[in-house]
Amino acid sequence: MTTAVRTGLTDLVTDAQRYLRRILPGLASAVHPLASSHAIPRAMSSRYHLAELILYGETPAMLAVAREPSESSSRVIQDVRCLRAAANALVLYVSPYLTPTQRRFLVEAHIDFVVPHAQLFAPSLAIEFRDAPDHEKKAISLLPSAQAVLIHVLLSGQPRWWSPREISAAAGYTSMTASRLSAELVERGLVERSKGGRERFLTLAGNRDDVWARAQPFLRSPVLKEVDVCWEQTADVLRSAGHPAPVAGTDALLAGPSQAASTTRALYIETWRVLGALPAPGPTCAQNARLQIWAYPPGFTSIDDAVDPLSLYLSLQGKRGHDVDALELRVQQALCGSVHDS
């Protein structure tokens, strides 16, 4: 469970924590219940769920979630100003959704606010970050093949220069795909291309932590859809066809193989198309499984029988029921070590 869930904070605070730590990597602390609640007027405590965190290592901040989401913009503005004065801290108003009119009122009043997984407006810190609409995200997102190769390189501790053609071939991609994904990675400033020679080699444009942080706006969950299957029969089909389906989802966070009656596995979309309909759950099925259909081969980046930590991190963004801090620690450990052979 996340820090917020563990300490009894609301789901919306949990979402805000995840969002802030994604768009401000290393700059937003974990969120905790408010320690100095005695300094907050009782009227504010009755109208808002309050939590605290630290931004940029030194700036005290507070998250405020209205207990009744129908509060008017004028009341929110008044309340946030009151909370600022009482707590002597930056106050981020948290809302699951803002209409254009509400947004305009808050912006004009210089109220710091966050809409989890959509927008952070913090004039107090000179920050305005807004996720692109879905139709724009498709334009800026990396191709699944480019994302897979980048993740593989980040995890493998590749030497200074590496061949996109060879790594792409290991994933089952063609030379044409290798050229296209190379161009995408270069255009996003994530890799640099060598000069001269018949074959162009690539190198990461910085250390692995920096490249991972810079890549965040271009990365998407690999999960395209989920389907339920009868696992014993499906496992036999996959084994016969020679297609891996590593453990995924929250099951991949467990220390050992999942013993639950239902588990989650990842399967490449092309494999799904080739195999066609897989055995569905039924009364005679002893173990069900949820198959995540992935945009790139999970086996290419997987570690042992589990999906890789970076893809797992992306697949769990915005989802509840897992320990966010433990997942982020696993990502950091993976970026510091080499978990794939070069």
C-alpha atoms as a PDB file:
ATOM      1  CA  MET A   1       0.000   0.000   0.000  1.00  0.00           C
ATOM      2  CA  THR A   2       1.131   3.518  -0.635  1.00  0.00           C
ATOM      3  CA  THR A   3       2.178   5.920   2.079  1.00  0.00           C
ATOM      4  CA  ALA A   4      -1.093   7.778   1.647  1.00  0.00           C
ATOM      5  CA  VAL A   5      -3.225   4.650   1.888  1.00  0.00           C
ATOM      6  CA  ARG A   6      -1.218   3.385   4.832  1.00  0.00           C
ATOM      7  CA  THR A   7      -1.835   6.562   6.805  1.00  0.00           C
ATOM      8  CA  GLY A   8      -5.518   6.837   5.995  1.00  0.00           C
ATOM      9  CA  LEU A   9      -5.382   9.704   3.498  1.00  0.00           C
ATOM     10  CA  THR A  10      -7.865   9.930   0.640  1.00  0.00           C
ATOM     11  CA  ASP A  11      -7.487   8.277  -2.757  1.00  0.00           C
ATOM     12  CA  LEU A  12      -7.296  11.720  -4.354  1.00  0.00           C
ATOM     13  CA  VAL A  13      -4.312  12.630  -2.154  1.00  0.00           C
ATOM     14  CA  THR A  14      -2.698   9.341  -3.193  1.00  0.00           C
ATOM     15  CA  ASP A  15      -3.224  10.205  -6.865  1.00  0.00           C
ATOM     16  CA  ALA A  16      -1.777  13.687  -6.308  1.00  0.00           C
ATOM     17  CA  GLN A  17       1.288  12.174  -4.641  1.00  0.00           C
ATOM     18  CA  ARG A  18       1.911   9.842  -7.567  1.00  0.00           C
ATOM     19  CA  TYR A  19       1.427  12.633 -10.081  1.00  0.00           C
ATOM     20  CA  LEU A  20       3.769  15.066  -8.319  1.00  0.00           C
ATOM     21  CA  ARG A  21       6.466  12.436  -7.934  1.00  0.00           C
ATOM     22  CA  ARG A  22       6.185  11.549 -11.613  1.00  0.00           C
ATOM     23  CA  ILE A  23       6.430  15.072 -13.014  1.00  0.00           C
ATOM     24  CA  LEU A  24       8.880  16.298 -10.334  1.00  0.00           C
ATOM     25  CA  PRO A  25      11.185  13.253 -10.059  1.00  0.00           C
ATOM     26  CA  GLY A  26      13.261  13.494  -6.886  1.00  0.00           C
ATOM     27  CA  LEU A  27      11.754  16.890  -6.029  1.00  0.00           C
ATOM     28  CA  ALA A  28       8.528  15.865  -4.275  1.00  0.00           C
ATOM     29  CA  SER A  29       8.640  13.935  -0.999  1.00  0.00           C
ATOM     30  CA  ALA A  30       6.181  11.317   0.161  1.00  0.00           C
ATOM     31  CA  VAL A  31       2.902  12.714   1.490  1.00  0.00           C
ATOM     32  CA  HIS A  32       2.018  12.451   5.190  1.00  0.00           C
ATOM     33  CA  PRO A  33      -0.938  13.441   7.360  1.00  0.00           C
ATOM     34  CA  LEU A  34      -0.735  17.012   8.603  1.00  0.00           C
ATOM     35  CA  ALA A  35       1.443  17.204  11.739  1.00  0.00           C
ATOM     36  CA  SER A  36       0.562  20.764  12.769  1.00  0.00           C
ATOM     37  CA  SER A  37      -3.218  20.372  12.566  1.00  0.00           C
ATOM     38  CA  HIS A  38      -3.611  22.530  15.696  1.00  0.00           C
ATOM     39  CA  ALA A  39      -2.589  25.581  13.639  1.00  0.00           C
ATOM     40  CA  ILE A  40      -5.411  25.077  11.160  1.00  0.00           C
ATOM     41  CA  PRO A  41      -8.759  26.760  11.853  1.00  0.00           C
ATOM     42  CA  ARG A  42     -11.440  24.221  12.722  1.00  0.00           C
ATOM     43  CA  ALA A  43     -13.634  25.443   9.867  1.00  0.00           C
ATOM     44  CA  MET A  44     -10.860  24.560   7.386  1.00  0.00           C
ATOM     45  CA  SER A  45     -10.294  21.122   8.911  1.00  0.00           C
ATOM     46  CA  SER A  46     -13.995  20.373   8.619  1.00  0.00           C
ATOM     47  CA  ARG A  47     -14.112  21.376   4.944  1.00  0.00           C
ATOM     48  CA  TYR A  48     -10.824  19.843   3.727  1.00  0.00           C
ATOM     49  CA  HIS A  49      -8.734  16.703   3.936  1.00  0.00           C
ATOM     50  CA  LEU A  50      -5.218  18.043   4.569  1.00  0.00           C
ATOM     51  CA  ALA A  51      -1.810  16.440   4.071  1.00  0.00           C
ATOM     52  CA  GLU A  52       1.755  17.714   3.953  1.00  0.00           C
ATOM     53  CA  LEU A  53       4.902  17.172   1.907  1.00  0.00           C
ATOM     54  CA  ILE A  54       8.182  18.845   0.993  1.00  0.00           C
ATOM     55  CA  LEU A  55       8.943  20.176  -2.499  1.00  0.00           C
ATOM     56  CA  TYR A  56      12.449  20.767  -3.819  1.00  0.00           C
ATOM     57  CA  GLY A  57      13.908  19.475  -0.562  1.00  0.00           C
ATOM     58  CA  GLU A  58      13.073  22.600   1.422  1.00  0.00           C
ATOM     59  CA  THR A  59       9.662  24.057   0.541  1.00  0.00           C
ATOM     60  CA  PRO A  60       6.894  23.007   2.961  1.00  0.00           C
ATOM     61  CA  ALA A  61       3.658  22.362   1.111  1.00  0.00           C
ATOM     62  CA  MET A  62       0.154  21.224   1.888  1.00  0.00           C
ATOM     63  CA  LEU A  63      -2.406  19.312  -0.167  1.00  0.00           C
ATOM     64  CA  ALA A  64      -6.030  20.365   0.391  1.00  0.00           C
ATOM     65  CA  VAL A  65      -8.905  18.191  -0.853  1.00  0.00           C
ATOM     66  CA  ALA A  66     -12.441  19.527  -0.356  1.00  0.00           C
ATOM     67  CA  ARG A  67     -14.611  17.104   1.607  1.00  0.00           C
ATOM     68  CA  GLU A  68     -17.553  18.388  -0.426  1.00  0.00           C
ATOM     69  CA  PRO A  69     -16.356  18.731  -4.053  1.00  0.00           C
ATOM     70  CA  SER A  70     -19.142  21.193  -4.877  1.00  0.00           C
ATOM     71  CA  GLU A  71     -17.323  24.119  -3.225  1.00  0.00           C
ATOM     72  CA  SER A  72     -17.513  27.287  -5.353  1.00  0.00           C
ATOM     73  CA  SER A  73     -14.350  28.779  -6.853  1.00  0.00           C
ATOM     74  CA  SER A  74     -14.686  31.892  -4.724  1.00  0.00           C
ATOM     75  CA  ARG A  75     -14.932  29.794  -1.547  1.00  0.00           C
ATOM     76  CA  VAL A  76     -11.906  27.705  -2.616  1.00  0.00           C
ATOM     77  CA  ILE A  77      -9.866  30.854  -3.250  1.00  0.00           C
ATOM     78  CA  GLN A  78     -10.818  32.256   0.139  1.00  0.00           C
ATOM     79  CA  ASP A  79     -10.074  28.961   1.920  1.00  0.00           C
ATOM     80  CA  VAL A  80      -6.683  28.440   0.249  1.00  0.00           C
ATOM     81  CA  ARG A  81      -5.588  31.933   1.240  1.00  0.00           C
ATOM     82  CA  CYS A  82      -6.685  31.233   4.811  1.00  0.00           C
ATOM     83  CA  LEU A  83      -4.768  27.929   4.852  1.00  0.00           C
ATOM     84  CA  ARG A  84      -1.639  29.614   3.459  1.00  0.00           C
ATOM     85  CA  ALA A  85      -1.652  32.122   6.293  1.00  0.00           C
ATOM     86  CA  ALA A  86      -2.392  29.544   8.995  1.00  0.00           C
ATOM     87  CA  ALA A  87       0.160  26.954   7.889  1.00  0.00           C
ATOM     88  CA  ASN A  88       2.795  29.368   6.558  1.00  0.00           C
ATOM     89  CA  ALA A  89       3.251  26.971   3.642  1.00  0.00           C
ATOM     90  CA  LEU A  90       2.459  26.591  -0.023  1.00  0.00           C
ATOM     91  CA  VAL A  91      -1.060  25.167  -0.405  1.00  0.00           C
ATOM     92  CA  LEU A  92      -1.955  23.015  -3.398  1.00  0.00           C
ATOM     93  CA  TYR A  93      -5.693  22.705  -3.931  1.00  0.00           C
ATOM     94  CA  VAL A  94      -6.391  19.181  -5.237  1.00  0.00           C
ATOM     95  CA  SER A  95      -9.386  18.470  -7.456  1.00  0.00           C
ATOM     96  CA  PRO A  96     -10.234  15.474  -9.670  1.00  0.00           C
ATOM     97  CA  TYR A  97     -11.551  17.813 -12.381  1.00  0.00           C
ATOM     98  CA  LEU A  98     -11.828  21.540 -13.084  1.00  0.00           C
ATOM     99  CA  THR A  99     -14.104  23.184 -15.617  1.00  0.00           C
ATOM    100  CA  PRO A 100     -12.525  25.843 -17.861  1.00  0.00           C
ATOM    101  CA  THR A 101     -14.313  28.516 -15.807  1.00  0.00           C
ATOM    102  CA  GLN A 102     -13.074  27.123 -12.479  1.00  0.00           C
ATOM    103  CA  ARG A 103      -9.576  26.858 -13.865  1.00  0.00           C
ATOM    104  CA  ARG A 104      -9.658  30.476 -15.067  1.00  0.00           C
ATOM    105  CA  PHE A 105     -10.789  31.763 -11.668  1.00  0.00           C
ATOM    106  CA  LEU A 106      -8.022  29.867  -9.862  1.00  0.00           C
ATOM    107  CA  VAL A 107      -5.350  30.960 -12.331  1.00  0.00           C
ATOM    108  CA  GLU A 108      -6.407  34.604 -12.153  1.00  0.00           C
ATOM    109  CA  ALA A 109      -6.319  34.445  -8.343  1.00  0.00           C
ATOM    110  CA  HIS A 110      -2.827  32.835  -8.419  1.00  0.00           C
ATOM    111  CA  ILE A 111      -4.064  29.769  -6.536  1.00  0.00           C
ATOM    112  CA  ASP A 112      -1.724  26.778  -6.696  1.00  0.00           C
ATOM    113  CA  PHE A 113      -3.639  23.658  -7.725  1.00  0.00           C
ATOM    114  CA  VAL A 114      -3.148  20.127  -8.986  1.00  0.00           C
ATOM    115  CA  VAL A 115      -5.467  17.921 -11.038  1.00  0.00           C
ATOM    116  CA  PRO A 116      -3.847  14.473 -10.703  1.00  0.00           C
ATOM    117  CA  HIS A 117      -2.533  13.057 -14.000  1.00  0.00           C
ATOM    118  CA  ALA A 118      -3.655  16.219 -15.842  1.00  0.00           C
ATOM    119  CA  GLN A 119      -2.207  19.510 -14.595  1.00  0.00           C
ATOM    120  CA  LEU A 120      -0.046  21.220 -12.008  1.00  0.00           C
ATOM    121  CA  PHE A 121      -0.359  25.007 -11.723  1.00  0.00           C
ATOM    122  CA  ALA A 122       1.966  26.405  -9.047  1.00  0.00           C
ATOM    123  CA  PRO A 123       2.764  30.081  -9.632  1.00  0.00           C
ATOM    124  CA  SER A 124       4.358  30.127  -6.165  1.00  0.00           C
ATOM    125  CA  LEU A 125       7.084  27.909  -7.645  1.00  0.00           C
ATOM    126  CA  ALA A 126       6.896  29.284 -11.199  1.00  0.00           C
ATOM    127  CA  ILE A 127       5.574  25.930 -12.450  1.00  0.00           C
ATOM    128  CA  GLU A 128       2.861  25.222 -14.973  1.00  0.00           C
ATOM    129  CA  PHE A 129       2.676  21.667 -16.248  1.00  0.00           C
ATOM    130  CA  ARG A 130      -0.250  20.327 -18.229  1.00  0.00           C
ATOM    131  CA  ASP A 131      -0.456  16.847 -19.730  1.00  0.00           C
ATOM    132  CA  ALA A 132      -1.390  16.914 -23.395  1.00  0.00           C
ATOM    133  CA  PRO A 133      -4.889  15.775 -24.455  1.00  0.00           C
ATOM    134  CA  ASP A 134      -5.087  12.168 -25.597  1.00  0.00           C
ATOM    135  CA  HIS A 135      -4.971  13.063 -29.296  1.00  0.00           C
ATOM    136  CA  GLU A 136      -1.757  15.056 -28.709  1.00  0.00           C
ATOM    137  CA  LYS A 137      -0.218  12.345 -26.536  1.00  0.00           C
ATOM    138  CA  LYS A 138      -0.284   9.984 -29.494  1.00  0.00           C
ATOM    139  CA  ALA A 139       1.782  12.486 -31.448  1.00  0.00           C
ATOM    140  CA  ILE A 140       4.483  12.948 -28.801  1.00  0.00           C
ATOM    141  CA  SER A 141       4.639   9.395 -27.412  1.00  0.00           C
ATOM    142  CA  LEU A 142       7.473   7.152 -28.461  1.00  0.00           C
ATOM    143  CA  LEU A 143       6.677   4.238 -30.713  1.00  0.00           C
ATOM    144  CA  PRO A 144       6.250   1.068 -28.615  1.00  0.00           C
ATOM    145  CA  SER A 145       9.347  -0.342 -30.312  1.00  0.00           C
ATOM    146  CA  ALA A 146      11.374   2.757 -29.362  1.00  0.00           C
ATOM    147  CA  GLN A 147      10.131   2.559 -25.781  1.00  0.00           C
ATOM    148  CA  ALA A 148      11.039  -1.123 -25.560  1.00  0.00           C
ATOM    149  CA  VAL A 149      14.559  -0.574 -26.902  1.00  0.00           C
ATOM    150  CA  LEU A 150      15.137   2.425 -24.631  1.00  0.00           C
ATOM    151  CA  ILE A 151      14.002   0.444 -21.570  1.00  0.00           C
ATOM    152  CA  HIS A 152      16.203  -2.487 -22.576  1.00  0.00           C
ATOM    153  CA  VAL A 153      19.233  -0.191 -22.884  1.00  0.00           C
ATOM    154  CA  LEU A 154      18.492   1.569 -19.585  1.00  0.00           C
ATOM    155  CA  LEU A 155      18.303  -1.773 -17.805  1.00  0.00           C
ATOM    156  CA  SER A 156      21.215  -3.503 -19.486  1.00  0.00           C
ATOM    157  CA  GLY A 157      23.999  -1.024 -18.703  1.00  0.00           C
ATOM    158  CA  GLN A 158      25.034  -0.949 -22.343  1.00  0.00           C
ATOM    159  CA  PRO A 159      28.586   0.164 -23.160  1.00  0.00           C
ATOM    160  CA  ARG A 160      29.034   3.693 -24.453  1.00  0.00           C
ATOM    161  CA  TRP A 161      27.976   2.874 -28.036  1.00  0.00           C
ATOM    162  CA  TRP A 162      25.387   0.287 -29.041  1.00  0.00           C
ATOM    163  CA  SER A 163      23.812  -0.885 -32.271  1.00  0.00           C
ATOM    164  CA  PRO A 164      20.074  -0.164 -32.586  1.00  0.00           C
ATOM    165  CA  ARG A 165      19.887  -2.704 -35.397  1.00  0.00           C
ATOM    166  CA  GLU A 166      21.234  -5.552 -33.248  1.00  0.00           C
ATOM    167  CA  ILE A 167      19.126  -4.701 -30.201  1.00  0.00           C
ATOM    168  CA  SER A 168      15.998  -4.278 -32.343  1.00  0.00           C
ATOM    169  CA  ALA A 169      16.627  -7.639 -34.006  1.00  0.00           C
ATOM    170  CA  ALA A 170      16.788  -9.260 -30.551  1.00  0.00           C
ATOM    171  CA  ALA A 171      13.273  -7.936 -29.945  1.00  0.00           C
ATOM    172  CA  GLY A 172      12.049  -9.244 -33.303  1.00  0.00           C
ATOM    173  CA  TYR A 173      11.930  -5.849 -35.033  1.00  0.00           C
ATOM    174  CA  THR A 174      13.035  -5.229 -38.622  1.00  0.00           C
ATOM    175  CA  SER A 175      15.898  -2.996 -39.790  1.00  0.00           C
ATOM    176  CA  MET A 176      13.335  -0.457 -40.997  1.00  0.00           C
ATOM    177  CA  THR A 177      11.805  -0.334 -37.507  1.00  0.00           C
ATOM    178  CA  ALA A 178      15.305   0.046 -36.025  1.00  0.00           C
ATOM    179  CA  SER A 179      15.950   3.103 -38.218  1.00  0.00           C
ATOM    180  CA  ARG A 180      12.625   4.666 -37.296  1.00  0.00           C
ATOM    181  CA  LEU A 181      12.960   4.133 -33.546  1.00  0.00           C
ATOM    182  CA  SER A 182      16.544   5.436 -33.656  1.00  0.00           C
ATOM    183  CA  ALA A 183      15.313   8.655 -35.252  1.00  0.00           C
ATOM    184  CA  GLU A 184      12.605   9.007 -32.580  1.00  0.00           C
ATOM    185  CA  LEU A 185      15.048   8.561 -29.719  1.00  0.00           C
ATOM    186  CA  VAL A 186      17.445  11.081 -31.236  1.00  0.00           C
ATOM    187  CA  GLU A 187      14.672  13.633 -31.889  1.00  0.00           C
ATOM    188  CA  ARG A 188      13.516  13.402 -28.256  1.00  0.00           C
ATOM    189  CA  GLY A 189      17.072  14.092 -27.053  1.00  0.00           C
ATOM    190  CA  LEU A 190      17.285  10.743 -25.269  1.00  0.00           C
ATOM    191  CA  VAL A 191      20.191   9.321 -27.289  1.00  0.00           C
ATOM    192  CA  GLU A 192      23.004  10.653 -29.463  1.00  0.00           C
ATOM    193  CA  ARG A 193      24.085   9.245 -32.806  1.00  0.00           C
ATOM    194  CA  SER A 194      27.673   8.532 -33.808  1.00  0.00           C
ATOM    195  CA  LYS A 195      29.167  10.302 -36.825  1.00  0.00           C
ATOM    196  CA  GLY A 196      30.707   8.474 -39.742  1.00  0.00           C
ATOM    197  CA  GLY A 197      30.843   4.784 -40.611  1.00  0.00           C
ATOM    198  CA  ARG A 198      28.318   2.699 -42.488  1.00  0.00           C
ATOM    199  CA  GLU A 199      26.411   1.709 -39.367  1.00  0.00           C
ATOM    200  CA  ARG A 200      25.222   4.382 -36.979  1.00  0.00           C
ATOM    201  CA  PHE A 201      25.670   3.587 -33.314  1.00  0.00           C
ATOM    202  CA  LEU A 202      23.801   5.231 -30.450  1.00  0.00           C
ATOM    203  CA  THR A 203      24.618   6.227 -26.894  1.00  0.00           C
ATOM    204  CA  LEU A 204      22.442   7.493 -24.075  1.00  0.00           C
ATOM    205  CA  ALA A 205      22.399  11.290 -23.854  1.00  0.00           C
ATOM    206  CA  GLY A 206      23.351  11.339 -20.168  1.00  0.00           C
ATOM    207  CA  ASN A 207      23.329   8.927 -17.251  1.00  0.00           C
ATOM    208  CA  ARG A 208      20.508   6.445 -16.899  1.00  0.00           C
ATOM    209  CA  ASP A 209      18.647   8.358 -14.155  1.00  0.00           C
ATOM    210  CA  ASP A 210      18.664  11.560 -16.215  1.00  0.00           C
ATOM    211  CA  VAL A 211      17.503   9.859 -19.414  1.00  0.00           C
ATOM    212  CA  TRP A 212      14.710   8.032 -17.564  1.00  0.00           C
ATOM    213  CA  ALA A 213      13.508  11.321 -16.038  1.00  0.00           C
ATOM    214  CA  ARG A 214      13.635  13.155 -19.390  1.00  0.00           C
ATOM    215  CA  ALA A 215      11.825  10.304 -21.131  1.00  0.00           C
ATOM    216  CA  GLN A 216       8.753  10.417 -18.851  1.00  0.00           C
ATOM    217  CA  PRO A 217       6.591  12.697 -21.050  1.00  0.00           C
ATOM    218  CA  PHE A 218       7.149  10.340 -24.005  1.00  0.00           C
ATOM    219  CA  LEU A 219       6.510   7.032 -22.241  1.00  0.00           C
ATOM    220  CA  ARG A 220       3.144   5.303 -21.937  1.00  0.00           C
ATOM    221  CA  SER A 221       1.787   2.223 -20.234  1.00  0.00           C
ATOM    222  CA  PRO A 222       2.542  -0.812 -22.424  1.00  0.00           C
ATOM    223  CA  VAL A 223      -0.875  -2.283 -21.565  1.00  0.00           C
ATOM    224  CA  LEU A 224      -3.356  -2.011 -24.438  1.00  0.00           C
ATOM    225  CA  LYS A 225      -6.144  -4.082 -22.875  1.00  0.00           C
ATOM    226  CA  GLU A 226      -6.787  -6.875 -20.379  1.00  0.00           C
ATOM    227  CA  VAL A 227      -8.593 -10.179 -20.862  1.00  0.00           C
ATOM    228  CA  ASP A 228      -9.429 -13.035 -18.481  1.00  0.00           C
ATOM    229  CA  VAL A 229      -8.366 -16.570 -19.388  1.00  0.00           C
ATOM    230  CA  CYS A 230      -8.216 -20.024 -17.881  1.00  0.00           C
ATOM    231  CA  TRP A 231      -4.544 -20.126 -16.941  1.00  0.00           C
ATOM    232  CA  GLU A 232      -3.699 -23.868 -16.982  1.00  0.00           C
ATOM    233  CA  GLN A 233      -4.917 -24.311 -20.563  1.00  0.00           C
ATOM    234  CA  THR A 234      -3.534 -20.953 -21.698  1.00  0.00           C
ATOM    235  CA  ALA A 235      -0.133 -21.749 -20.174  1.00  0.00           C
ATOM    236  CA  ASP A 236      -0.050 -25.020 -22.154  1.00  0.00           C
ATOM    237  CA  VAL A 237      -0.857 -23.150 -25.375  1.00  0.00           C
ATOM    238  CA  LEU A 238       1.843 -20.543 -24.752  1.00  0.00           C
ATOM    239  CA  ARG A 239       4.390 -23.154 -23.754  1.00  0.00           C
ATOM    240  CA  SER A 240       3.744 -25.184 -26.898  1.00  0.00           C
ATOM    241  CA  ALA A 241       4.025 -22.080 -29.072  1.00  0.00           C
ATOM    242  CA  GLY A 242       7.192 -20.927 -27.286  1.00  0.00           C
ATOM    243  CA  HIS A 243       5.770 -17.567 -26.228  1.00  0.00           C
ATOM    244  CA  PRO A 244       6.611 -16.176 -22.773  1.00  0.00           C
ATOM    245  CA  ALA A 245       3.988 -14.475 -20.611  1.00  0.00           C
ATOM    246  CA  PRO A 246       5.860 -13.049 -17.603  1.00  0.00           C
ATOM    247  CA  VAL A 247       4.136 -12.114 -14.366  1.00  0.00           C
ATOM    248  CA  ALA A 248       2.816  -8.538 -14.492  1.00  0.00           C
ATOM    249  CA  GLY A 249       0.726  -6.024 -12.555  1.00  0.00           C
ATOM    250  CA  THR A 250       0.829  -5.995  -8.770  1.00  0.00           C
ATOM    251  CA  ASP A 251       1.720  -9.716  -8.813  1.00  0.00           C
ATOM    252  CA  ALA A 252       5.119  -8.730 -10.247  1.00  0.00           C
ATOM    253  CA  LEU A 253       5.845  -6.800  -7.039  1.00  0.00           C
ATOM    254  CA  LEU A 254       5.707  -9.966  -4.913  1.00  0.00           C
ATOM    255  CA  ALA A 255       8.989 -11.402  -3.681  1.00  0.00           C
ATOM    256  CA  GLY A 256       8.275 -14.852  -5.127  1.00  0.00           C
ATOM    257  CA  PRO A 257       5.830 -16.541  -7.501  1.00  0.00           C
ATOM    258  CA  SER A 258       2.230 -15.602  -6.820  1.00  0.00           C
ATOM    259  CA  GLN A 259       0.275 -18.252  -4.955  1.00  0.00           C
ATOM    260  CA  ALA A 260      -3.046 -16.520  -5.493  1.00  0.00           C
ATOM    261  CA  ALA A 261      -5.847 -18.306  -7.320  1.00  0.00           C
ATOM    262  CA  SER A 262      -5.766 -15.499  -9.882  1.00  0.00           C
ATOM    263  CA  THR A 263      -2.603 -13.957 -11.315  1.00  0.00           C
ATOM    264  CA  THR A 264      -1.660 -11.368 -13.915  1.00  0.00           C
ATOM    265  CA  ARG A 265       0.495 -12.050 -16.961  1.00  0.00           C
ATOM    266  CA  ALA A 266       1.739  -9.969 -19.898  1.00  0.00           C
ATOM    267  CA  LEU A 267       1.473 -11.056 -23.542  1.00  0.00           C
ATOM    268  CA  TYR A 268       2.666  -9.306 -26.694  1.00  0.00           C
ATOM    269  CA  ILE A 269      -0.143  -8.031 -28.948  1.00  0.00           C
ATOM    270  CA  GLU A 270       1.308  -9.824 -31.999  1.00  0.00           C
ATOM    271  CA  THR A 271       1.349 -13.121 -30.096  1.00  0.00           C
ATOM    272  CA  TRP A 272      -2.252 -12.500 -29.061  1.00  0.00           C
ATOM    273  CA  ARG A 273      -3.229 -11.983 -32.691  1.00  0.00           C
ATOM    274  CA  VAL A 274      -1.405 -15.090 -33.883  1.00  0.00           C
ATOM    275  CA  LEU A 275      -2.806 -17.400 -31.220  1.00  0.00           C
ATOM    276  CA  GLY A 276      -6.361 -16.146 -31.569  1.00  0.00           C
ATOM    277  CA  ALA A 277      -8.941 -16.928 -28.892  1.00  0.00           C
ATOM    278  CA  LEU A 278      -7.441 -18.407 -25.729  1.00  0.00           C
ATOM    279  CA  PRO A 279      -9.339 -20.621 -23.235  1.00  0.00           C
ATOM    280  CA  ALA A 280     -11.795 -18.512 -21.250  1.00  0.00           C
ATOM    281  CA  PRO A 281     -12.519 -18.983 -17.523  1.00  0.00           C
ATOM    282  CA  GLY A 282     -15.237 -21.494 -16.711  1.00  0.00           C
ATOM    283  CA  PRO A 283     -16.614 -23.641 -13.903  1.00  0.00           C
ATOM    284  CA  THR A 284     -13.998 -26.351 -14.560  1.00  0.00           C
ATOM    285  CA  CYS A 285     -11.083 -23.921 -14.562  1.00  0.00           C
ATOM    286  CA  ALA A 286      -8.914 -24.303 -11.433  1.00  0.00           C
ATOM    287  CA  GLN A 287      -6.947 -21.085 -11.904  1.00  0.00           C
ATOM    288  CA  ASN A 288      -7.934 -17.928 -13.751  1.00  0.00           C
ATOM    289  CA  ALA A 289      -5.482 -15.335 -14.987  1.00  0.00           C
ATOM    290  CA  ARG A 290      -5.721 -11.818 -16.291  1.00  0.00           C
ATOM    291  CA  LEU A 291      -3.708 -11.294 -19.454  1.00  0.00           C
ATOM    292  CA  GLN A 292      -2.386  -7.817 -20.108  1.00  0.00           C
ATOM    293  CA  ILE A 293      -1.975  -7.383 -23.864  1.00  0.00           C
ATOM    294  CA  TRP A 294       1.210  -5.335 -24.360  1.00  0.00           C
ATOM    295  CA  ALA A 295       2.254  -3.000 -27.168  1.00  0.00           C
ATOM    296  CA  TYR A 296       5.787  -4.435 -27.166  1.00  0.00           C
ATOM    297  CA  PRO A 297       7.181  -7.903 -26.292  1.00  0.00           C
ATOM    298  CA  PRO A 298       7.266  -8.177 -22.480  1.00  0.00           C
ATOM    299  CA  GLY A 299       9.750 -11.019 -22.757  1.00  0.00           C
ATOM    300  CA  PHE A 300      12.301  -8.718 -24.420  1.00  0.00           C
ATOM    301  CA  THR A 301      12.693  -6.565 -21.318  1.00  0.00           C
ATOM    302  CA  SER A 302      11.527  -9.042 -18.647  1.00  0.00           C
ATOM    303  CA  ILE A 303      13.685 -10.310 -15.807  1.00  0.00           C
ATOM    304  CA  ASP A 304      13.334 -14.010 -15.069  1.00  0.00           C
ATOM    305  CA  ASP A 305       9.563 -14.638 -15.057  1.00  0.00           C
ATOM    306  CA  ALA A 306       8.475 -11.073 -14.302  1.00  0.00           C
ATOM    307  CA  VAL A 307       8.098  -7.950 -16.396  1.00  0.00           C
ATOM    308  CA  ASP A 308      10.876  -5.382 -16.022  1.00  0.00           C
ATOM    309  CA  PRO A 309      10.622  -2.699 -13.276  1.00  0.00           C
ATOM    310  CA  LEU A 310      10.458   0.253 -15.683  1.00  0.00           C
ATOM    311  CA  SER A 311       7.589  -1.164 -17.748  1.00  0.00           C
ATOM    312  CA  LEU A 312       5.898  -2.257 -14.523  1.00  0.00           C
ATOM    313  CA  TYR A 313       6.181   1.304 -13.191  1.00  0.00           C
ATOM    314  CA  LEU A 314       4.544   2.670 -16.347  1.00  0.00           C
ATOM    315  CA  SER A 315       1.778   0.044 -16.307  1.00  0.00           C
ATOM    316  CA  LEU A 316       0.820   0.878 -12.697  1.00  0.00           C
ATOM    317  CA  GLN A 317       0.719   4.671 -13.012  1.00  0.00           C
ATOM    318  CA  GLY A 318      -2.587   6.015 -11.718  1.00  0.00           C
ATOM    319  CA  LYS A 319      -3.597   2.635 -10.273  1.00  0.00           C
ATOM    320  CA  ARG A 320      -4.155   1.868  -6.620  1.00  0.00           C
ATOM    321  CA  GLY A 321      -3.418  -1.167  -4.497  1.00  0.00           C
ATOM    322  CA  HIS A 322       0.384  -1.197  -4.537  1.00  0.00           C
ATOM    323  CA  ASP A 323       3.261   0.337  -2.587  1.00  0.00           C
ATOM    324  CA  VAL A 324       4.394   3.295  -4.688  1.00  0.00           C
ATOM    325  CA  ASP A 325       7.541   3.844  -2.634  1.00  0.00           C
ATOM    326  CA  ALA A 326       8.608   0.193  -3.021  1.00  0.00           C
ATOM    327  CA  LEU A 327       7.995   0.368  -6.774  1.00  0.00           C
ATOM    328  CA  GLU A 328      10.029   3.560  -7.138  1.00  0.00           C
ATOM    329  CA  LEU A 329      12.839   1.987  -5.109  1.00  0.00           C
ATOM    330  CA  ARG A 330      12.833  -0.992  -7.454  1.00  0.00           C
ATOM    331  CA  VAL A 331      13.075   1.367 -10.433  1.00  0.00           C
ATOM    332  CA  GLN A 332      16.044   3.182  -8.869  1.00  0.00           C
ATOM    333  CA  GLN A 333      17.796  -0.102  -8.085  1.00  0.00           C
ATOM    334  CA  ALA A 334      17.267  -1.265 -11.663  1.00  0.00           C
ATOM    335  CA  LEU A 335      18.693   1.977 -13.072  1.00  0.00           C
ATOM    336  CA  CYS A 336      21.746   1.716 -10.813  1.00  0.00           C
ATOM    337  CA  GLY A 337      22.572  -1.875 -11.739  1.00  0.00           C
ATOM    338  CA  SER A 338      22.671  -4.037 -14.828  1.00  0.00           C
ATOM    339  CA  VAL A 339      19.778  -6.505 -14.947  1.00  0.00           C
ATOM    340  CA  HIS A 340      20.180  -7.586 -18.575  1.00  0.00           C
ATOM    341  CA  ASP A 341      23.179  -8.966 -20.357  1.00  0.00           C
ATOM    342  CA  SER A 342      24.538  -6.500 -22.905  1.00  0.00           C
END
